[in-house]
Amino acid sequence: MEASPEMLAQAEAATEADNARFVQAYAQATGLPDGEADLVTCSQALHWMEPEPTFAEAARLLRPGGVFAAYDYDWPPIAGWEVESAFEEVLRRVRAGRAPDGRGMRYAKEGHLERIKASGLFRYAREIVFHSRDRADADRIVGMALSLGPLTVLLREGRSEDEVGLTALREAAERSLGDREAQIFLGYRIRLGVK
């Protein structure tokens, strides 16, 4: 499911699998049939969605024993203390920059698990944490920061890269990694609900 036609087009263009199908719809109104899914996932987006209708739709789509899995990156990537510290400062500045006018996540990620449990639609719910190994150079580390929607909003609104901490992150990544790729770890938090 993807509500944005632009993002839907990107997903279709990037997918060569013949068993994947993309549908333009909102999470709370997919139009898909009842009880036919073993897994419903929500990647990096649950904090923008109305919890009750989203959980109701996920539960409607799932077979008994099926799993709803909402997952988010656990920032910053593990890439060495200097890079991590600079990345955390970007996150702090982004939170501070969007707080006064109410912009930001509609629902705090830290509350996802409790909201899944409180919905009463899943017989079991828990959070799991895992990581994956990857490789990154300084540009990729900066690109990860730039993938944060609220950061790009602040930049579009006229905040400078210095103000949001991006310059310091770039400098830390270049000092730490130079022009080489290094192994990094990406953390994920997955909130699961079993129907």
C-alpha atoms as a PDB file:
ATOM      1  CA  MET A   1       0.000   0.000   0.000  1.00  0.00           C
ATOM      2  CA  GLU A   2       1.170   3.460  -0.776  1.00  0.00           C
ATOM      3  CA  ALA A   3      -0.959   6.584  -0.669  1.00  0.00           C
ATOM      4  CA  SER A   4       1.420   8.736  -2.713  1.00  0.00           C
ATOM      5  CA  PRO A   5       1.305   8.181  -6.500  1.00  0.00           C
ATOM      6  CA  GLU A   6       4.912   9.377  -6.765  1.00  0.00           C
ATOM      7  CA  MET A   7       6.180   6.866  -4.181  1.00  0.00           C
ATOM      8  CA  LEU A   8       4.064   4.118  -5.760  1.00  0.00           C
ATOM      9  CA  ALA A   9       5.699   4.794  -9.129  1.00  0.00           C
ATOM     10  CA  GLN A  10       9.156   4.646  -7.532  1.00  0.00           C
ATOM     11  CA  ALA A  11       8.363   1.312  -5.855  1.00  0.00           C
ATOM     12  CA  GLU A  12       7.095  -0.178  -9.095  1.00  0.00           C
ATOM     13  CA  ALA A  13      10.155   1.041 -11.001  1.00  0.00           C
ATOM     14  CA  ALA A  14      12.531  -0.409  -8.398  1.00  0.00           C
ATOM     15  CA  THR A  15      10.857  -3.828  -8.202  1.00  0.00           C
ATOM     16  CA  GLU A  16      11.545  -6.574 -10.680  1.00  0.00           C
ATOM     17  CA  ALA A  17       9.739  -9.338  -8.776  1.00  0.00           C
ATOM     18  CA  ASP A  18       6.753 -10.711 -10.642  1.00  0.00           C
ATOM     19  CA  ASN A  19       4.972 -11.690  -7.425  1.00  0.00           C
ATOM     20  CA  ALA A  20       4.838  -8.134  -6.031  1.00  0.00           C
ATOM     21  CA  ARG A  21       1.904  -5.822  -6.578  1.00  0.00           C
ATOM     22  CA  PHE A  22       1.547  -2.243  -5.432  1.00  0.00           C
ATOM     23  CA  VAL A  23      -1.782  -0.652  -4.635  1.00  0.00           C
ATOM     24  CA  GLN A  24      -2.504   3.032  -4.159  1.00  0.00           C
ATOM     25  CA  ALA A  25      -4.478   3.228  -0.934  1.00  0.00           C
ATOM     26  CA  TYR A  26      -4.316   4.380   2.661  1.00  0.00           C
ATOM     27  CA  ALA A  27      -3.396   1.947   5.436  1.00  0.00           C
ATOM     28  CA  GLN A  28      -6.827   2.147   7.044  1.00  0.00           C
ATOM     29  CA  ALA A  29      -8.724   1.456   3.792  1.00  0.00           C
ATOM     30  CA  THR A  30      -6.785  -0.964   1.588  1.00  0.00           C
ATOM     31  CA  GLY A  31      -9.699  -2.499  -0.281  1.00  0.00           C
ATOM     32  CA  LEU A  32      -8.012  -5.905  -0.004  1.00  0.00           C
ATOM     33  CA  PRO A  33      -9.982  -9.040   0.966  1.00  0.00           C
ATOM     34  CA  ASP A  34     -10.544 -10.166   4.563  1.00  0.00           C
ATOM     35  CA  GLY A  35      -8.365 -12.754   6.275  1.00  0.00           C
ATOM     36  CA  GLU A  36      -5.973 -13.639   3.466  1.00  0.00           C
ATOM     37  CA  ALA A  37      -2.653 -12.233   4.721  1.00  0.00           C
ATOM     38  CA  ASP A  38      -0.047 -13.973   6.845  1.00  0.00           C
ATOM     39  CA  LEU A  39       1.888 -10.742   7.344  1.00  0.00           C
ATOM     40  CA  VAL A  40       1.023  -7.057   7.244  1.00  0.00           C
ATOM     41  CA  THR A  41       3.973  -4.690   7.592  1.00  0.00           C
ATOM     42  CA  CYS A  42       4.346  -1.000   8.172  1.00  0.00           C
ATOM     43  CA  SER A  43       7.791   0.423   7.481  1.00  0.00           C
ATOM     44  CA  GLN A  44       8.888   3.710   9.027  1.00  0.00           C
ATOM     45  CA  ALA A  45       5.361   5.142   8.851  1.00  0.00           C
ATOM     46  CA  LEU A  46       3.136   4.077  11.767  1.00  0.00           C
ATOM     47  CA  HIS A  47       3.905   7.314  13.632  1.00  0.00           C
ATOM     48  CA  TRP A  48       1.987   9.215  10.919  1.00  0.00           C
ATOM     49  CA  MET A  49      -1.096   6.957  10.905  1.00  0.00           C
ATOM     50  CA  GLU A  50      -4.258   6.999  13.006  1.00  0.00           C
ATOM     51  CA  PRO A  51      -3.679   3.950  15.236  1.00  0.00           C
ATOM     52  CA  GLU A  52      -7.208   2.560  15.691  1.00  0.00           C
ATOM     53  CA  PRO A  53      -8.287   2.389  12.028  1.00  0.00           C
ATOM     54  CA  THR A  54      -4.823   1.222  10.942  1.00  0.00           C
ATOM     55  CA  PHE A  55      -4.797  -1.636  13.472  1.00  0.00           C
ATOM     56  CA  ALA A  56      -8.401  -2.551  12.602  1.00  0.00           C
ATOM     57  CA  GLU A  57      -7.517  -2.806   8.909  1.00  0.00           C
ATOM     58  CA  ALA A  58      -4.388  -4.852   9.602  1.00  0.00           C
ATOM     59  CA  ALA A  59      -6.358  -7.252  11.806  1.00  0.00           C
ATOM     60  CA  ARG A  60      -9.096  -7.528   9.148  1.00  0.00           C
ATOM     61  CA  LEU A  61      -6.530  -8.480   6.501  1.00  0.00           C
ATOM     62  CA  LEU A  62      -4.764 -11.106   8.642  1.00  0.00           C
ATOM     63  CA  ARG A  63      -5.586 -14.787   8.939  1.00  0.00           C
ATOM     64  CA  PRO A  64      -5.786 -16.138  12.505  1.00  0.00           C
ATOM     65  CA  GLY A  65      -2.176 -16.367  13.694  1.00  0.00           C
ATOM     66  CA  GLY A  66      -1.069 -13.748  11.161  1.00  0.00           C
ATOM     67  CA  VAL A  67       1.336 -11.027  12.226  1.00  0.00           C
ATOM     68  CA  PHE A  68       1.207  -7.255  12.046  1.00  0.00           C
ATOM     69  CA  ALA A  69       4.779  -5.882  12.105  1.00  0.00           C
ATOM     70  CA  ALA A  70       5.534  -2.172  12.354  1.00  0.00           C
ATOM     71  CA  TYR A  71       9.228  -1.400  12.142  1.00  0.00           C
ATOM     72  CA  ASP A  72      11.454   1.629  12.410  1.00  0.00           C
ATOM     73  CA  TYR A  73      15.166   2.322  12.227  1.00  0.00           C
ATOM     74  CA  ASP A  74      16.801   2.731  15.595  1.00  0.00           C
ATOM     75  CA  TRP A  75      18.945   5.785  14.794  1.00  0.00           C
ATOM     76  CA  PRO A  76      21.830   6.512  14.708  1.00  0.00           C
ATOM     77  CA  PRO A  77      23.583   3.810  12.700  1.00  0.00           C
ATOM     78  CA  ILE A  78      26.443   2.185  14.575  1.00  0.00           C
ATOM     79  CA  ALA A  79      29.420   3.662  12.761  1.00  0.00           C
ATOM     80  CA  GLY A  80      31.888   4.748  15.434  1.00  0.00           C
ATOM     81  CA  TRP A  81      31.480   7.085  18.370  1.00  0.00           C
ATOM     82  CA  GLU A  82      32.286  10.317  16.537  1.00  0.00           C
ATOM     83  CA  VAL A  83      29.815   9.680  13.710  1.00  0.00           C
ATOM     84  CA  GLU A  84      27.163   8.455  16.125  1.00  0.00           C
ATOM     85  CA  SER A  85      27.569  11.485  18.373  1.00  0.00           C
ATOM     86  CA  ALA A  86      27.244  13.885  15.423  1.00  0.00           C
ATOM     87  CA  PHE A  87      24.216  11.954  14.109  1.00  0.00           C
ATOM     88  CA  GLU A  88      22.564  12.127  17.545  1.00  0.00           C
ATOM     89  CA  GLU A  89      23.115  15.900  17.529  1.00  0.00           C
ATOM     90  CA  VAL A  90      21.320  16.130  14.155  1.00  0.00           C
ATOM     91  CA  LEU A  91      18.412  14.173  15.659  1.00  0.00           C
ATOM     92  CA  ARG A  92      18.332  16.450  18.710  1.00  0.00           C
ATOM     93  CA  ARG A  93      18.310  19.583  16.547  1.00  0.00           C
ATOM     94  CA  VAL A  94      15.597  18.179  14.295  1.00  0.00           C
ATOM     95  CA  ARG A  95      13.401  17.448  17.336  1.00  0.00           C
ATOM     96  CA  ALA A  96      14.055  20.925  18.713  1.00  0.00           C
ATOM     97  CA  GLY A  97      13.482  22.591  15.351  1.00  0.00           C
ATOM     98  CA  ARG A  98      10.083  21.095  14.762  1.00  0.00           C
ATOM     99  CA  ALA A  99       8.668  21.148  18.292  1.00  0.00           C
ATOM    100  CA  PRO A 100       7.560  24.791  18.676  1.00  0.00           C
ATOM    101  CA  ASP A 101       4.977  24.740  15.879  1.00  0.00           C
ATOM    102  CA  GLY A 102       3.735  21.201  16.493  1.00  0.00           C
ATOM    103  CA  ARG A 103       5.233  19.605  13.399  1.00  0.00           C
ATOM    104  CA  GLY A 104       6.631  16.139  13.777  1.00  0.00           C
ATOM    105  CA  MET A 105       5.399  12.664  14.388  1.00  0.00           C
ATOM    106  CA  ARG A 106       1.721  12.436  15.141  1.00  0.00           C
ATOM    107  CA  TYR A 107       2.270   9.445  17.421  1.00  0.00           C
ATOM    108  CA  ALA A 108       5.532   8.829  19.275  1.00  0.00           C
ATOM    109  CA  LYS A 109       7.253   5.639  18.152  1.00  0.00           C
ATOM    110  CA  GLU A 110       7.901   4.735  21.792  1.00  0.00           C
ATOM    111  CA  GLY A 111       4.142   4.258  22.214  1.00  0.00           C
ATOM    112  CA  HIS A 112       3.568   1.910  19.259  1.00  0.00           C
ATOM    113  CA  LEU A 113       3.666  -1.284  21.313  1.00  0.00           C
ATOM    114  CA  GLU A 114       1.251  -0.016  23.962  1.00  0.00           C
ATOM    115  CA  ARG A 115      -1.166   1.205  21.280  1.00  0.00           C
ATOM    116  CA  ILE A 116      -1.056  -2.196  19.552  1.00  0.00           C
ATOM    117  CA  LYS A 117      -1.805  -3.904  22.876  1.00  0.00           C
ATOM    118  CA  ALA A 118      -4.530  -1.406  23.789  1.00  0.00           C
ATOM    119  CA  SER A 119      -6.317  -1.955  20.466  1.00  0.00           C
ATOM    120  CA  GLY A 120      -7.566  -5.352  21.674  1.00  0.00           C
ATOM    121  CA  LEU A 121      -7.211  -6.692  18.122  1.00  0.00           C
ATOM    122  CA  PHE A 122      -4.138  -8.843  18.687  1.00  0.00           C
ATOM    123  CA  ARG A 123      -3.821 -11.760  21.104  1.00  0.00           C
ATOM    124  CA  TYR A 124      -0.130 -11.162  21.648  1.00  0.00           C
ATOM    125  CA  ALA A 125       2.146  -8.178  21.140  1.00  0.00           C
ATOM    126  CA  ARG A 126       5.810  -7.517  21.776  1.00  0.00           C
ATOM    127  CA  GLU A 127       8.788  -5.534  20.598  1.00  0.00           C
ATOM    128  CA  ILE A 128      11.899  -7.090  19.148  1.00  0.00           C
ATOM    129  CA  VAL A 129      15.176  -5.399  18.297  1.00  0.00           C
ATOM    130  CA  PHE A 130      17.633  -6.576  15.689  1.00  0.00           C
ATOM    131  CA  HIS A 131      20.392  -5.265  13.496  1.00  0.00           C
ATOM    132  CA  SER A 132      21.897  -5.803  10.100  1.00  0.00           C
ATOM    133  CA  ARG A 133      25.438  -5.298   8.892  1.00  0.00           C
ATOM    134  CA  ASP A 134      26.040  -3.004   6.002  1.00  0.00           C
ATOM    135  CA  ARG A 135      28.773  -0.866   4.503  1.00  0.00           C
ATOM    136  CA  ALA A 136      28.857   2.890   4.257  1.00  0.00           C
ATOM    137  CA  ASP A 137      31.121   5.749   3.341  1.00  0.00           C
ATOM    138  CA  ALA A 138      30.786   9.336   4.562  1.00  0.00           C
ATOM    139  CA  ASP A 139      28.322  10.252   1.808  1.00  0.00           C
ATOM    140  CA  ARG A 140      26.029   7.380   2.711  1.00  0.00           C
ATOM    141  CA  ILE A 141      26.021   8.363   6.385  1.00  0.00           C
ATOM    142  CA  VAL A 142      24.986  11.908   5.426  1.00  0.00           C
ATOM    143  CA  GLY A 143      22.415  10.441   3.030  1.00  0.00           C
ATOM    144  CA  MET A 144      20.895   8.456   5.898  1.00  0.00           C
ATOM    145  CA  ALA A 145      20.423  11.670   7.841  1.00  0.00           C
ATOM    146  CA  LEU A 146      18.898  13.313   4.780  1.00  0.00           C
ATOM    147  CA  SER A 147      16.364  10.472   4.562  1.00  0.00           C
ATOM    148  CA  LEU A 148      14.749  11.869   7.715  1.00  0.00           C
ATOM    149  CA  GLY A 149      11.643  13.690   6.516  1.00  0.00           C
ATOM    150  CA  PRO A 150      11.631  16.345   9.260  1.00  0.00           C
ATOM    151  CA  LEU A 151      15.255  17.213   8.485  1.00  0.00           C
ATOM    152  CA  THR A 152      14.517  17.819   4.816  1.00  0.00           C
ATOM    153  CA  VAL A 153      11.515  19.947   5.818  1.00  0.00           C
ATOM    154  CA  LEU A 154      13.726  22.122   8.017  1.00  0.00           C
ATOM    155  CA  LEU A 155      16.236  22.524   5.172  1.00  0.00           C
ATOM    156  CA  ARG A 156      13.473  23.437   2.701  1.00  0.00           C
ATOM    157  CA  GLU A 157      12.179  26.000   5.193  1.00  0.00           C
ATOM    158  CA  GLY A 158      15.556  27.726   5.084  1.00  0.00           C
ATOM    159  CA  ARG A 159      17.512  26.259   7.992  1.00  0.00           C
ATOM    160  CA  SER A 160      21.160  25.928   7.108  1.00  0.00           C
ATOM    161  CA  GLU A 161      23.127  22.680   7.215  1.00  0.00           C
ATOM    162  CA  ASP A 162      25.116  24.209  10.082  1.00  0.00           C
ATOM    163  CA  GLU A 163      21.943  24.931  12.058  1.00  0.00           C
ATOM    164  CA  VAL A 164      20.637  21.373  11.784  1.00  0.00           C
ATOM    165  CA  GLY A 165      24.036  19.790  12.496  1.00  0.00           C
ATOM    166  CA  LEU A 166      24.500  18.310   9.043  1.00  0.00           C
ATOM    167  CA  THR A 167      27.817  20.080   8.434  1.00  0.00           C
ATOM    168  CA  ALA A 168      29.243  18.644  11.657  1.00  0.00           C
ATOM    169  CA  LEU A 169      27.941  15.171  10.753  1.00  0.00           C
ATOM    170  CA  ARG A 170      29.557  15.365   7.310  1.00  0.00           C
ATOM    171  CA  GLU A 171      32.863  16.467   8.854  1.00  0.00           C
ATOM    172  CA  ALA A 172      32.750  13.702  11.498  1.00  0.00           C
ATOM    173  CA  ALA A 173      31.954  11.065   8.877  1.00  0.00           C
ATOM    174  CA  GLU A 174      34.778  12.288   6.626  1.00  0.00           C
ATOM    175  CA  ARG A 175      37.270  12.316   9.533  1.00  0.00           C
ATOM    176  CA  SER A 176      36.197   8.885  10.711  1.00  0.00           C
ATOM    177  CA  LEU A 177      35.738   7.125   7.364  1.00  0.00           C
ATOM    178  CA  GLY A 178      37.820   9.189   4.981  1.00  0.00           C
ATOM    179  CA  ASP A 179      37.086   8.092   1.436  1.00  0.00           C
ATOM    180  CA  ARG A 180      36.614   4.417   2.295  1.00  0.00           C
ATOM    181  CA  GLU A 181      33.636   2.244   3.057  1.00  0.00           C
ATOM    182  CA  ALA A 182      33.447   0.729   6.510  1.00  0.00           C
ATOM    183  CA  GLN A 183      31.194  -1.797   8.160  1.00  0.00           C
ATOM    184  CA  ILE A 184      28.251  -0.256   9.991  1.00  0.00           C
ATOM    185  CA  PHE A 185      25.272  -1.711  11.806  1.00  0.00           C
ATOM    186  CA  LEU A 186      21.688  -0.592  11.313  1.00  0.00           C
ATOM    187  CA  GLY A 187      19.334  -1.169  14.227  1.00  0.00           C
ATOM    188  CA  TYR A 188      15.604  -1.805  13.927  1.00  0.00           C
ATOM    189  CA  ARG A 189      12.738  -1.924  16.398  1.00  0.00           C
ATOM    190  CA  ILE A 190       9.817  -4.064  15.369  1.00  0.00           C
ATOM    191  CA  ARG A 191       6.498  -3.951  17.168  1.00  0.00           C
ATOM    192  CA  LEU A 192       4.549  -7.153  16.539  1.00  0.00           C
ATOM    193  CA  GLY A 193       0.898  -7.980  16.999  1.00  0.00           C
ATOM    194  CA  VAL A 194      -0.300 -11.560  16.489  1.00  0.00           C
ATOM    195  CA  LYS A 195      -3.950 -11.953  15.506  1.00  0.00           C
END
